[in-house]
Amino acid sequence: MSLYFAPIEWLTRPWERVFMQHAFLAILIVGIVCGLMGTFVVLRGMAFVGDAFAHAVFPGIVIAFLAGGNIFIGALVAAGVVSLLIGVVSQGGRLREDAAIGVMFAGAFALGIALISRTNSYARDLTSFLLGNILGVSRNDLLLTAATGVLVLGTLAVFRREVILITFDRTLASSLGVHLWRFDQLFLVLLALAIVTALQTVGNVLVLAMLVTPAATARLICNRLPTMLAVSALLGALSGVSGLYLSYYWSVASGAAVVLVATALFFSVWGLVQLERPLRRFAQRRLHRAEPHPSEPGPDYDAAPAELPSR
């Protein structure tokens, strides 16, 4: 009897603690939001942009922390400011968007480091910000994360046509009257908000993995956008929950555990895809050899029994 209930106890034990309940719910939201947004990040080749945004909102986190406020709100404010500044700087056409992002990324991250270096607990606080502290997610943090996730997904659903058009065919989007700059800025704002939802769970350094890795894994096996979106969100949620179990039972840093599970899933799927190709070619060759050549007639089954091929 004990053996039968052991797996159930193993699964339910972490949920007995309130802080783990908050952590599981937060990582589920983060996995789904980042999985969906990450699909468009991967398809548009914007992995660098995601990494830059994760670092650019860092001073907002630090300022909120030093002022005794909510670091989630500080990150939200910083994300909005950074996305607007990038749009303003790159609007004139003299600078490409990636150059403006690079300037903001380096300058903002340096500002955050300079501010936090003035505190006595510099090393401890910096580690928490960079690697996340999902076990410290409070009820208010969870509500803010959920509200931000609903805002991102709701906006993405409302403007899905425009977002898909600027992702796959910007020329067609322009010809249909879609304002490219406006929707590029909207996408940057949504990306910044998605990053903010993941900052406290996996940290400033590892947030890029939650955006890119599940979506990249889904891209290996999906050819249609709706399927890729669903698989990416599922893999993001699965990586988050599995990583938390790994962290709870093996005493591994939670953010690192989540990212390691996502990475392991990626390489597992990649390996299966690489193995499937030669197996498919081998099966096709065997099938081709078994088929009769067009110039060579097959066996005459109307002939006498003695002329039938032997079994």
C-alpha atoms as a PDB file:
ATOM      1  CA  MET A   1       0.000   0.000   0.000  1.00  0.00           C
ATOM      2  CA  SER A   2       2.786   2.448   0.863  1.00  0.00           C
ATOM      3  CA  LEU A   3       4.507   1.762  -2.443  1.00  0.00           C
ATOM      4  CA  TYR A   4       1.293   2.582  -4.276  1.00  0.00           C
ATOM      5  CA  PHE A   5       0.865   5.969  -2.605  1.00  0.00           C
ATOM      6  CA  ALA A   6       4.557   6.939  -2.664  1.00  0.00           C
ATOM      7  CA  PRO A   7       4.448   8.612  -6.107  1.00  0.00           C
ATOM      8  CA  ILE A   8       1.321  10.557  -5.126  1.00  0.00           C
ATOM      9  CA  GLU A   9       2.957  11.698  -1.899  1.00  0.00           C
ATOM     10  CA  TRP A  10       6.069  12.692  -3.853  1.00  0.00           C
ATOM     11  CA  LEU A  11       3.957  14.886  -6.132  1.00  0.00           C
ATOM     12  CA  THR A  12       1.751  16.439  -3.452  1.00  0.00           C
ATOM     13  CA  ARG A  13       4.270  17.048  -0.655  1.00  0.00           C
ATOM     14  CA  PRO A  14       5.645  20.346  -2.043  1.00  0.00           C
ATOM     15  CA  TRP A  15       2.101  21.690  -2.409  1.00  0.00           C
ATOM     16  CA  GLU A  16       1.598  21.462   1.349  1.00  0.00           C
ATOM     17  CA  ARG A  17       3.722  24.586   1.804  1.00  0.00           C
ATOM     18  CA  VAL A  18       2.194  27.961   0.926  1.00  0.00           C
ATOM     19  CA  PHE A  19       5.388  29.383  -0.569  1.00  0.00           C
ATOM     20  CA  MET A  20       5.631  26.380  -2.906  1.00  0.00           C
ATOM     21  CA  GLN A  21       2.007  26.867  -3.975  1.00  0.00           C
ATOM     22  CA  HIS A  22       2.826  30.455  -4.915  1.00  0.00           C
ATOM     23  CA  ALA A  23       5.973  29.291  -6.698  1.00  0.00           C
ATOM     24  CA  PHE A  24       4.148  26.643  -8.754  1.00  0.00           C
ATOM     25  CA  LEU A  25       1.386  29.026  -9.794  1.00  0.00           C
ATOM     26  CA  ALA A  26       3.894  31.750 -10.683  1.00  0.00           C
ATOM     27  CA  ILE A  27       6.065  29.437 -12.797  1.00  0.00           C
ATOM     28  CA  LEU A  28       2.978  28.122 -14.622  1.00  0.00           C
ATOM     29  CA  ILE A  29       2.033  31.680 -15.580  1.00  0.00           C
ATOM     30  CA  VAL A  30       5.611  32.480 -16.578  1.00  0.00           C
ATOM     31  CA  GLY A  31       5.956  29.290 -18.620  1.00  0.00           C
ATOM     32  CA  ILE A  32       2.767  29.936 -20.597  1.00  0.00           C
ATOM     33  CA  VAL A  33       3.363  33.663 -21.176  1.00  0.00           C
ATOM     34  CA  CYS A  34       7.022  33.282 -22.108  1.00  0.00           C
ATOM     35  CA  GLY A  35       6.247  30.236 -24.247  1.00  0.00           C
ATOM     36  CA  LEU A  36       3.695  32.141 -26.332  1.00  0.00           C
ATOM     37  CA  MET A  37       5.730  35.337 -26.615  1.00  0.00           C
ATOM     38  CA  GLY A  38       8.897  33.328 -27.203  1.00  0.00           C
ATOM     39  CA  THR A  39       7.351  31.775 -30.313  1.00  0.00           C
ATOM     40  CA  PHE A  40       7.311  35.173 -32.012  1.00  0.00           C
ATOM     41  CA  VAL A  41      10.748  36.012 -30.608  1.00  0.00           C
ATOM     42  CA  VAL A  42      12.198  32.875 -32.223  1.00  0.00           C
ATOM     43  CA  LEU A  43      10.359  33.330 -35.524  1.00  0.00           C
ATOM     44  CA  ARG A  44      11.482  36.975 -35.769  1.00  0.00           C
ATOM     45  CA  GLY A  45      15.057  36.213 -34.732  1.00  0.00           C
ATOM     46  CA  MET A  46      14.886  38.547 -31.718  1.00  0.00           C
ATOM     47  CA  ALA A  47      16.694  36.482 -29.089  1.00  0.00           C
ATOM     48  CA  PHE A  48      19.251  39.276 -28.582  1.00  0.00           C
ATOM     49  CA  VAL A  49      16.416  41.759 -28.044  1.00  0.00           C
ATOM     50  CA  GLY A  50      14.936  39.574 -25.314  1.00  0.00           C
ATOM     51  CA  ASP A  51      18.283  39.336 -23.551  1.00  0.00           C
ATOM     52  CA  ALA A  52      18.805  43.090 -23.850  1.00  0.00           C
ATOM     53  CA  PHE A  53      15.394  43.866 -22.360  1.00  0.00           C
ATOM     54  CA  ALA A  54      16.024  41.543 -19.441  1.00  0.00           C
ATOM     55  CA  HIS A  55      19.125  43.547 -18.567  1.00  0.00           C
ATOM     56  CA  ALA A  56      17.660  46.940 -19.441  1.00  0.00           C
ATOM     57  CA  VAL A  57      14.912  46.728 -16.785  1.00  0.00           C
ATOM     58  CA  PHE A  58      17.495  45.959 -14.097  1.00  0.00           C
ATOM     59  CA  PRO A  59      17.800  49.549 -12.766  1.00  0.00           C
ATOM     60  CA  GLY A  60      14.031  49.666 -12.204  1.00  0.00           C
ATOM     61  CA  ILE A  61      14.317  46.580  -9.994  1.00  0.00           C
ATOM     62  CA  VAL A  62      17.210  48.042  -8.043  1.00  0.00           C
ATOM     63  CA  ILE A  63      15.577  51.455  -7.549  1.00  0.00           C
ATOM     64  CA  ALA A  64      12.371  49.836  -6.288  1.00  0.00           C
ATOM     65  CA  PHE A  65      14.389  47.636  -3.938  1.00  0.00           C
ATOM     66  CA  LEU A  66      16.414  50.543  -2.529  1.00  0.00           C
ATOM     67  CA  ALA A  67      13.264  52.637  -2.094  1.00  0.00           C
ATOM     68  CA  GLY A  68      11.522  49.812  -0.240  1.00  0.00           C
ATOM     69  CA  GLY A  69       8.911  49.362  -2.965  1.00  0.00           C
ATOM     70  CA  ASN A  70       7.739  46.392  -4.992  1.00  0.00           C
ATOM     71  CA  ILE A  71      10.461  45.265  -7.408  1.00  0.00           C
ATOM     72  CA  PHE A  72       7.808  43.927  -9.786  1.00  0.00           C
ATOM     73  CA  ILE A  73       6.311  47.395 -10.189  1.00  0.00           C
ATOM     74  CA  GLY A  74       9.802  48.863 -10.556  1.00  0.00           C
ATOM     75  CA  ALA A  75      10.517  46.413 -13.362  1.00  0.00           C
ATOM     76  CA  LEU A  76       7.205  47.271 -15.048  1.00  0.00           C
ATOM     77  CA  VAL A  77       7.978  50.985 -15.011  1.00  0.00           C
ATOM     78  CA  ALA A  78      11.504  50.392 -16.302  1.00  0.00           C
ATOM     79  CA  ALA A  79      10.200  48.125 -19.072  1.00  0.00           C
ATOM     80  CA  GLY A  80       7.797  50.793 -20.276  1.00  0.00           C
ATOM     81  CA  VAL A  81      10.446  53.522 -20.184  1.00  0.00           C
ATOM     82  CA  VAL A  82      13.048  51.406 -21.981  1.00  0.00           C
ATOM     83  CA  SER A  83      10.689  50.282 -24.752  1.00  0.00           C
ATOM     84  CA  LEU A  84       9.559  53.869 -25.376  1.00  0.00           C
ATOM     85  CA  LEU A  85      13.132  55.185 -25.420  1.00  0.00           C
ATOM     86  CA  ILE A  86      14.175  52.520 -27.913  1.00  0.00           C
ATOM     87  CA  GLY A  87      11.271  53.496 -30.155  1.00  0.00           C
ATOM     88  CA  VAL A  88      12.070  57.224 -29.930  1.00  0.00           C
ATOM     89  CA  VAL A  89      15.811  56.793 -30.552  1.00  0.00           C
ATOM     90  CA  SER A  90      15.339  54.460 -33.536  1.00  0.00           C
ATOM     91  CA  GLN A  91      12.413  56.336 -35.090  1.00  0.00           C
ATOM     92  CA  GLY A  92      14.541  58.896 -36.941  1.00  0.00           C
ATOM     93  CA  GLY A  93      16.089  56.255 -39.188  1.00  0.00           C
ATOM     94  CA  ARG A  94      19.707  57.221 -38.465  1.00  0.00           C
ATOM     95  CA  LEU A  95      20.080  54.324 -36.030  1.00  0.00           C
ATOM     96  CA  ARG A  96      18.782  50.805 -36.456  1.00  0.00           C
ATOM     97  CA  GLU A  97      16.640  49.386 -33.689  1.00  0.00           C
ATOM     98  CA  ASP A  98      19.275  46.838 -32.669  1.00  0.00           C
ATOM     99  CA  ALA A  99      21.824  49.624 -32.113  1.00  0.00           C
ATOM    100  CA  ALA A 100      19.391  51.553 -29.891  1.00  0.00           C
ATOM    101  CA  ILE A 101      18.674  48.354 -27.936  1.00  0.00           C
ATOM    102  CA  GLY A 102      22.407  47.727 -27.481  1.00  0.00           C
ATOM    103  CA  VAL A 103      22.950  51.225 -26.088  1.00  0.00           C
ATOM    104  CA  MET A 104      20.015  50.927 -23.683  1.00  0.00           C
ATOM    105  CA  PHE A 105      20.991  47.416 -22.617  1.00  0.00           C
ATOM    106  CA  ALA A 106      24.554  48.340 -21.653  1.00  0.00           C
ATOM    107  CA  GLY A 107      23.765  51.706 -20.088  1.00  0.00           C
ATOM    108  CA  ALA A 108      20.750  50.572 -18.056  1.00  0.00           C
ATOM    109  CA  PHE A 109      22.434  47.436 -16.749  1.00  0.00           C
ATOM    110  CA  ALA A 110      25.526  49.432 -15.722  1.00  0.00           C
ATOM    111  CA  LEU A 111      23.266  51.914 -13.922  1.00  0.00           C
ATOM    112  CA  GLY A 112      21.624  49.083 -11.978  1.00  0.00           C
ATOM    113  CA  ILE A 113      24.996  47.619 -10.980  1.00  0.00           C
ATOM    114  CA  ALA A 114      26.259  51.055  -9.883  1.00  0.00           C
ATOM    115  CA  LEU A 115      23.175  51.664  -7.734  1.00  0.00           C
ATOM    116  CA  ILE A 116      23.176  48.294  -5.988  1.00  0.00           C
ATOM    117  CA  SER A 117      26.930  48.386  -5.403  1.00  0.00           C
ATOM    118  CA  ARG A 118      26.351  51.146  -2.845  1.00  0.00           C
ATOM    119  CA  THR A 119      24.475  48.774  -0.503  1.00  0.00           C
ATOM    120  CA  ASN A 120      26.148  46.733   2.223  1.00  0.00           C
ATOM    121  CA  SER A 121      24.535  43.492   1.036  1.00  0.00           C
ATOM    122  CA  TYR A 122      25.678  44.040  -2.547  1.00  0.00           C
ATOM    123  CA  ALA A 123      26.734  40.461  -3.346  1.00  0.00           C
ATOM    124  CA  ARG A 124      23.664  38.780  -1.824  1.00  0.00           C
ATOM    125  CA  ASP A 125      21.147  41.184  -3.373  1.00  0.00           C
ATOM    126  CA  LEU A 126      22.834  41.038  -6.787  1.00  0.00           C
ATOM    127  CA  THR A 127      22.731  37.241  -6.767  1.00  0.00           C
ATOM    128  CA  SER A 128      19.011  37.296  -5.922  1.00  0.00           C
ATOM    129  CA  PHE A 129      18.229  39.708  -8.735  1.00  0.00           C
ATOM    130  CA  LEU A 130      20.328  37.929 -11.338  1.00  0.00           C
ATOM    131  CA  LEU A 131      19.278  34.345 -10.492  1.00  0.00           C
ATOM    132  CA  GLY A 132      15.747  34.939  -9.232  1.00  0.00           C
ATOM    133  CA  ASN A 133      13.964  34.087  -6.002  1.00  0.00           C
ATOM    134  CA  ILE A 134      10.844  32.170  -6.934  1.00  0.00           C
ATOM    135  CA  LEU A 135      10.443  30.775  -3.412  1.00  0.00           C
ATOM    136  CA  GLY A 136      10.000  34.348  -2.187  1.00  0.00           C
ATOM    137  CA  VAL A 137       6.976  35.097  -4.393  1.00  0.00           C
ATOM    138  CA  SER A 138       4.275  36.610  -2.178  1.00  0.00           C
ATOM    139  CA  ARG A 139       0.535  36.660  -2.758  1.00  0.00           C
ATOM    140  CA  ASN A 140       0.743  40.226  -4.086  1.00  0.00           C
ATOM    141  CA  ASP A 141       3.599  39.280  -6.410  1.00  0.00           C
ATOM    142  CA  LEU A 142       1.531  36.365  -7.690  1.00  0.00           C
ATOM    143  CA  LEU A 143      -1.464  38.615  -8.369  1.00  0.00           C
ATOM    144  CA  LEU A 144       0.736  41.127 -10.215  1.00  0.00           C
ATOM    145  CA  THR A 145       2.308  38.335 -12.249  1.00  0.00           C
ATOM    146  CA  ALA A 146      -1.124  36.973 -13.163  1.00  0.00           C
ATOM    147  CA  ALA A 147      -2.465  40.423 -14.063  1.00  0.00           C
ATOM    148  CA  THR A 148       0.551  41.155 -16.249  1.00  0.00           C
ATOM    149  CA  GLY A 149       0.264  37.750 -17.927  1.00  0.00           C
ATOM    150  CA  VAL A 150      -3.442  38.329 -18.685  1.00  0.00           C
ATOM    151  CA  LEU A 151      -2.597  41.773 -20.097  1.00  0.00           C
ATOM    152  CA  VAL A 152       0.111  40.356 -22.379  1.00  0.00           C
ATOM    153  CA  LEU A 153      -1.961  37.420 -23.626  1.00  0.00           C
ATOM    154  CA  GLY A 154      -5.103  39.536 -24.028  1.00  0.00           C
ATOM    155  CA  THR A 155      -3.280  42.166 -26.091  1.00  0.00           C
ATOM    156  CA  LEU A 156      -1.621  39.463 -28.162  1.00  0.00           C
ATOM    157  CA  ALA A 157      -5.018  37.894 -28.863  1.00  0.00           C
ATOM    158  CA  VAL A 158      -6.608  41.215 -29.868  1.00  0.00           C
ATOM    159  CA  PHE A 159      -3.785  42.174 -32.257  1.00  0.00           C
ATOM    160  CA  ARG A 160      -2.868  38.637 -33.356  1.00  0.00           C
ATOM    161  CA  ARG A 161      -3.469  39.435 -37.049  1.00  0.00           C
ATOM    162  CA  GLU A 162      -1.050  42.365 -37.073  1.00  0.00           C
ATOM    163  CA  VAL A 163       1.553  40.554 -34.968  1.00  0.00           C
ATOM    164  CA  ILE A 164       1.472  37.527 -37.283  1.00  0.00           C
ATOM    165  CA  LEU A 165       1.735  39.725 -40.376  1.00  0.00           C
ATOM    166  CA  ILE A 166       4.774  41.668 -39.161  1.00  0.00           C
ATOM    167  CA  THR A 167       6.366  38.373 -38.131  1.00  0.00           C
ATOM    168  CA  PHE A 168       6.038  36.541 -41.450  1.00  0.00           C
ATOM    169  CA  ASP A 169       5.638  39.167 -44.203  1.00  0.00           C
ATOM    170  CA  ARG A 170       6.338  42.793 -43.394  1.00  0.00           C
ATOM    171  CA  THR A 171       5.889  43.851 -47.045  1.00  0.00           C
ATOM    172  CA  LEU A 172       2.400  42.360 -47.141  1.00  0.00           C
ATOM    173  CA  ALA A 173       1.622  43.895 -43.753  1.00  0.00           C
ATOM    174  CA  SER A 174       2.625  47.336 -45.011  1.00  0.00           C
ATOM    175  CA  SER A 175       0.571  46.955 -48.190  1.00  0.00           C
ATOM    176  CA  LEU A 176      -2.471  46.041 -46.074  1.00  0.00           C
ATOM    177  CA  GLY A 177      -2.132  49.257 -44.079  1.00  0.00           C
ATOM    178  CA  VAL A 178      -0.484  47.873 -40.947  1.00  0.00           C
ATOM    179  CA  HIS A 179       1.638  50.551 -39.256  1.00  0.00           C
ATOM    180  CA  LEU A 180       4.919  48.663 -38.883  1.00  0.00           C
ATOM    181  CA  TRP A 181       6.628  51.009 -36.407  1.00  0.00           C
ATOM    182  CA  ARG A 182       3.567  51.201 -34.171  1.00  0.00           C
ATOM    183  CA  PHE A 183       3.124  47.450 -33.943  1.00  0.00           C
ATOM    184  CA  ASP A 184       6.858  46.885 -33.556  1.00  0.00           C
ATOM    185  CA  GLN A 185       6.708  49.106 -30.475  1.00  0.00           C
ATOM    186  CA  LEU A 186       3.645  47.279 -29.214  1.00  0.00           C
ATOM    187  CA  PHE A 187       5.487  43.994 -29.592  1.00  0.00           C
ATOM    188  CA  LEU A 188       8.489  45.389 -27.702  1.00  0.00           C
ATOM    189  CA  VAL A 189       6.219  46.503 -24.848  1.00  0.00           C
ATOM    190  CA  LEU A 190       4.599  43.049 -24.691  1.00  0.00           C
ATOM    191  CA  LEU A 191       8.041  41.424 -24.770  1.00  0.00           C
ATOM    192  CA  ALA A 192       9.217  43.654 -21.925  1.00  0.00           C
ATOM    193  CA  LEU A 193       6.135  42.771 -19.862  1.00  0.00           C
ATOM    194  CA  ALA A 194       6.651  39.056 -20.507  1.00  0.00           C
ATOM    195  CA  ILE A 195      10.233  39.405 -19.321  1.00  0.00           C
ATOM    196  CA  VAL A 196       9.072  41.202 -16.179  1.00  0.00           C
ATOM    197  CA  THR A 197       6.772  38.282 -15.296  1.00  0.00           C
ATOM    198  CA  ALA A 198       9.793  35.948 -15.354  1.00  0.00           C
ATOM    199  CA  LEU A 199      12.327  38.112 -13.529  1.00  0.00           C
ATOM    200  CA  GLN A 200      11.475  37.068  -9.980  1.00  0.00           C
ATOM    201  CA  THR A 201      11.092  33.399 -10.902  1.00  0.00           C
ATOM    202  CA  VAL A 202      14.232  32.678 -12.933  1.00  0.00           C
ATOM    203  CA  GLY A 203      16.184  35.913 -12.566  1.00  0.00           C
ATOM    204  CA  ASN A 204      17.688  38.509 -14.854  1.00  0.00           C
ATOM    205  CA  VAL A 205      20.336  36.219 -16.332  1.00  0.00           C
ATOM    206  CA  LEU A 206      18.182  33.153 -17.031  1.00  0.00           C
ATOM    207  CA  VAL A 207      15.007  34.863 -18.275  1.00  0.00           C
ATOM    208  CA  LEU A 208      16.163  34.552 -21.897  1.00  0.00           C
ATOM    209  CA  ALA A 209      16.043  30.761 -21.602  1.00  0.00           C
ATOM    210  CA  MET A 210      12.346  30.821 -20.690  1.00  0.00           C
ATOM    211  CA  LEU A 211      11.653  32.972 -23.749  1.00  0.00           C
ATOM    212  CA  VAL A 212      13.745  31.106 -26.293  1.00  0.00           C
ATOM    213  CA  THR A 213      14.275  27.473 -25.260  1.00  0.00           C
ATOM    214  CA  PRO A 214      10.646  26.189 -25.167  1.00  0.00           C
ATOM    215  CA  ALA A 215       9.862  28.025 -28.408  1.00  0.00           C
ATOM    216  CA  ALA A 216      13.013  26.708 -30.089  1.00  0.00           C
ATOM    217  CA  THR A 217      12.080  23.184 -28.993  1.00  0.00           C
ATOM    218  CA  ALA A 218       8.589  23.584 -30.433  1.00  0.00           C
ATOM    219  CA  ARG A 219      10.057  24.899 -33.687  1.00  0.00           C
ATOM    220  CA  LEU A 220      11.935  21.620 -34.163  1.00  0.00           C
ATOM    221  CA  ILE A 221       8.727  19.606 -34.385  1.00  0.00           C
ATOM    222  CA  CYS A 222       5.994  22.044 -35.470  1.00  0.00           C
ATOM    223  CA  ASN A 223       5.264  23.444 -38.917  1.00  0.00           C
ATOM    224  CA  ARG A 224       2.076  25.389 -38.131  1.00  0.00           C
ATOM    225  CA  LEU A 225       1.936  28.505 -35.955  1.00  0.00           C
ATOM    226  CA  PRO A 226      -1.075  27.499 -33.762  1.00  0.00           C
ATOM    227  CA  THR A 227       0.551  24.150 -33.007  1.00  0.00           C
ATOM    228  CA  MET A 228       3.894  25.797 -32.255  1.00  0.00           C
ATOM    229  CA  LEU A 229       2.230  28.271 -29.886  1.00  0.00           C
ATOM    230  CA  ALA A 230       0.462  25.500 -27.982  1.00  0.00           C
ATOM    231  CA  VAL A 231       3.527  23.243 -27.774  1.00  0.00           C
ATOM    232  CA  SER A 232       5.781  26.125 -26.710  1.00  0.00           C
ATOM    233  CA  ALA A 233       3.407  27.153 -23.896  1.00  0.00           C
ATOM    234  CA  LEU A 234       3.091  23.515 -22.781  1.00  0.00           C
ATOM    235  CA  LEU A 235       6.868  23.028 -22.751  1.00  0.00           C
ATOM    236  CA  GLY A 236       7.344  26.268 -20.821  1.00  0.00           C
ATOM    237  CA  ALA A 237       4.868  25.206 -18.148  1.00  0.00           C
ATOM    238  CA  LEU A 238       6.285  21.667 -18.022  1.00  0.00           C
ATOM    239  CA  SER A 239       9.848  22.960 -17.651  1.00  0.00           C
ATOM    240  CA  GLY A 240       8.800  25.272 -14.834  1.00  0.00           C
ATOM    241  CA  VAL A 241       6.902  22.699 -12.798  1.00  0.00           C
ATOM    242  CA  SER A 242       9.507  19.956 -13.331  1.00  0.00           C
ATOM    243  CA  GLY A 243      12.305  22.363 -12.417  1.00  0.00           C
ATOM    244  CA  LEU A 244      10.570  23.280  -9.167  1.00  0.00           C
ATOM    245  CA  TYR A 245      10.228  19.622  -8.179  1.00  0.00           C
ATOM    246  CA  LEU A 246      13.916  19.157  -8.986  1.00  0.00           C
ATOM    247  CA  SER A 247      14.789  22.198  -6.890  1.00  0.00           C
ATOM    248  CA  TYR A 248      12.647  21.049  -3.948  1.00  0.00           C
ATOM    249  CA  TYR A 249      13.963  17.493  -3.695  1.00  0.00           C
ATOM    250  CA  TRP A 250      17.587  17.985  -4.814  1.00  0.00           C
ATOM    251  CA  SER A 251      18.222  21.406  -3.195  1.00  0.00           C
ATOM    252  CA  VAL A 252      19.177  23.004  -6.509  1.00  0.00           C
ATOM    253  CA  ALA A 253      18.702  26.729  -7.239  1.00  0.00           C
ATOM    254  CA  SER A 254      15.144  26.974  -8.554  1.00  0.00           C
ATOM    255  CA  GLY A 255      15.832  29.263 -11.531  1.00  0.00           C
ATOM    256  CA  ALA A 256      18.752  27.165 -12.674  1.00  0.00           C
ATOM    257  CA  ALA A 257      16.729  23.946 -12.272  1.00  0.00           C
ATOM    258  CA  VAL A 258      13.904  25.293 -14.436  1.00  0.00           C
ATOM    259  CA  VAL A 259      16.296  26.346 -17.198  1.00  0.00           C
ATOM    260  CA  LEU A 260      18.200  23.044 -17.059  1.00  0.00           C
ATOM    261  CA  VAL A 261      14.970  21.084 -17.525  1.00  0.00           C
ATOM    262  CA  ALA A 262      14.023  23.284 -20.506  1.00  0.00           C
ATOM    263  CA  THR A 263      17.487  22.769 -21.998  1.00  0.00           C
ATOM    264  CA  ALA A 264      17.319  19.001 -21.447  1.00  0.00           C
ATOM    265  CA  LEU A 265      13.949  18.902 -23.236  1.00  0.00           C
ATOM    266  CA  PHE A 266      15.425  20.846 -26.144  1.00  0.00           C
ATOM    267  CA  PHE A 267      18.356  18.486 -26.635  1.00  0.00           C
ATOM    268  CA  SER A 268      16.132  15.427 -26.188  1.00  0.00           C
ATOM    269  CA  VAL A 269      13.789  16.610 -28.943  1.00  0.00           C
ATOM    270  CA  TRP A 270      16.712  17.694 -31.122  1.00  0.00           C
ATOM    271  CA  GLY A 271      18.313  14.269 -30.734  1.00  0.00           C
ATOM    272  CA  LEU A 272      15.077  12.501 -31.654  1.00  0.00           C
ATOM    273  CA  VAL A 273      14.684  14.709 -34.719  1.00  0.00           C
ATOM    274  CA  GLN A 274      18.252  13.988 -35.822  1.00  0.00           C
ATOM    275  CA  LEU A 275      17.678  10.261 -35.309  1.00  0.00           C
ATOM    276  CA  GLU A 276      14.340  10.288 -37.108  1.00  0.00           C
ATOM    277  CA  ARG A 277      15.797  11.588 -40.384  1.00  0.00           C
ATOM    278  CA  PRO A 278      18.162   8.658 -41.138  1.00  0.00           C
ATOM    279  CA  LEU A 279      15.504   6.211 -39.961  1.00  0.00           C
ATOM    280  CA  ARG A 280      13.024   7.734 -42.380  1.00  0.00           C
ATOM    281  CA  ARG A 281      15.523   7.592 -45.253  1.00  0.00           C
ATOM    282  CA  PHE A 282      16.315   3.961 -44.393  1.00  0.00           C
ATOM    283  CA  ALA A 283      12.609   3.056 -44.394  1.00  0.00           C
ATOM    284  CA  GLN A 284      12.105   4.819 -47.713  1.00  0.00           C
ATOM    285  CA  ARG A 285      15.008   2.924 -49.291  1.00  0.00           C
ATOM    286  CA  ARG A 286      13.652  -0.393 -48.023  1.00  0.00           C
ATOM    287  CA  LEU A 287      10.210   0.451 -49.393  1.00  0.00           C
ATOM    288  CA  HIS A 288      11.701   1.463 -52.749  1.00  0.00           C
ATOM    289  CA  ARG A 289      13.608  -1.822 -53.008  1.00  0.00           C
ATOM    290  CA  ALA A 290      10.487  -3.827 -52.197  1.00  0.00           C
ATOM    291  CA  GLU A 291       8.464  -2.164 -54.960  1.00  0.00           C
ATOM    292  CA  PRO A 292       8.743  -3.760 -58.451  1.00  0.00           C
ATOM    293  CA  HIS A 293      10.546  -1.713 -61.091  1.00  0.00           C
ATOM    294  CA  PRO A 294       8.150  -0.222 -63.688  1.00  0.00           C
ATOM    295  CA  SER A 295       9.917  -2.100 -66.508  1.00  0.00           C
ATOM    296  CA  GLU A 296       9.818  -5.381 -64.650  1.00  0.00           C
ATOM    297  CA  PRO A 297       6.340  -6.922 -64.293  1.00  0.00           C
ATOM    298  CA  GLY A 298       5.411  -8.330 -60.944  1.00  0.00           C
ATOM    299  CA  PRO A 299       4.611 -11.955 -60.317  1.00  0.00           C
ATOM    300  CA  ASP A 300       1.863 -13.496 -62.438  1.00  0.00           C
ATOM    301  CA  TYR A 301      -0.675 -14.646 -59.882  1.00  0.00           C
ATOM    302  CA  ASP A 302      -2.901 -16.022 -62.653  1.00  0.00           C
ATOM    303  CA  ALA A 303      -0.249 -18.555 -63.638  1.00  0.00           C
ATOM    304  CA  ALA A 304      -0.203 -22.172 -62.557  1.00  0.00           C
ATOM    305  CA  PRO A 305       0.539 -22.879 -58.900  1.00  0.00           C
ATOM    306  CA  ALA A 306       3.987 -24.194 -59.733  1.00  0.00           C
ATOM    307  CA  GLU A 307       4.972 -20.811 -61.159  1.00  0.00           C
ATOM    308  CA  LEU A 308       3.982 -18.779 -58.054  1.00  0.00           C
ATOM    309  CA  PRO A 309       6.898 -17.393 -56.038  1.00  0.00           C
ATOM    310  CA  SER A 310       7.833 -19.671 -53.188  1.00  0.00           C
ATOM    311  CA  ARG A 311       6.961 -18.535 -49.677  1.00  0.00           C
END
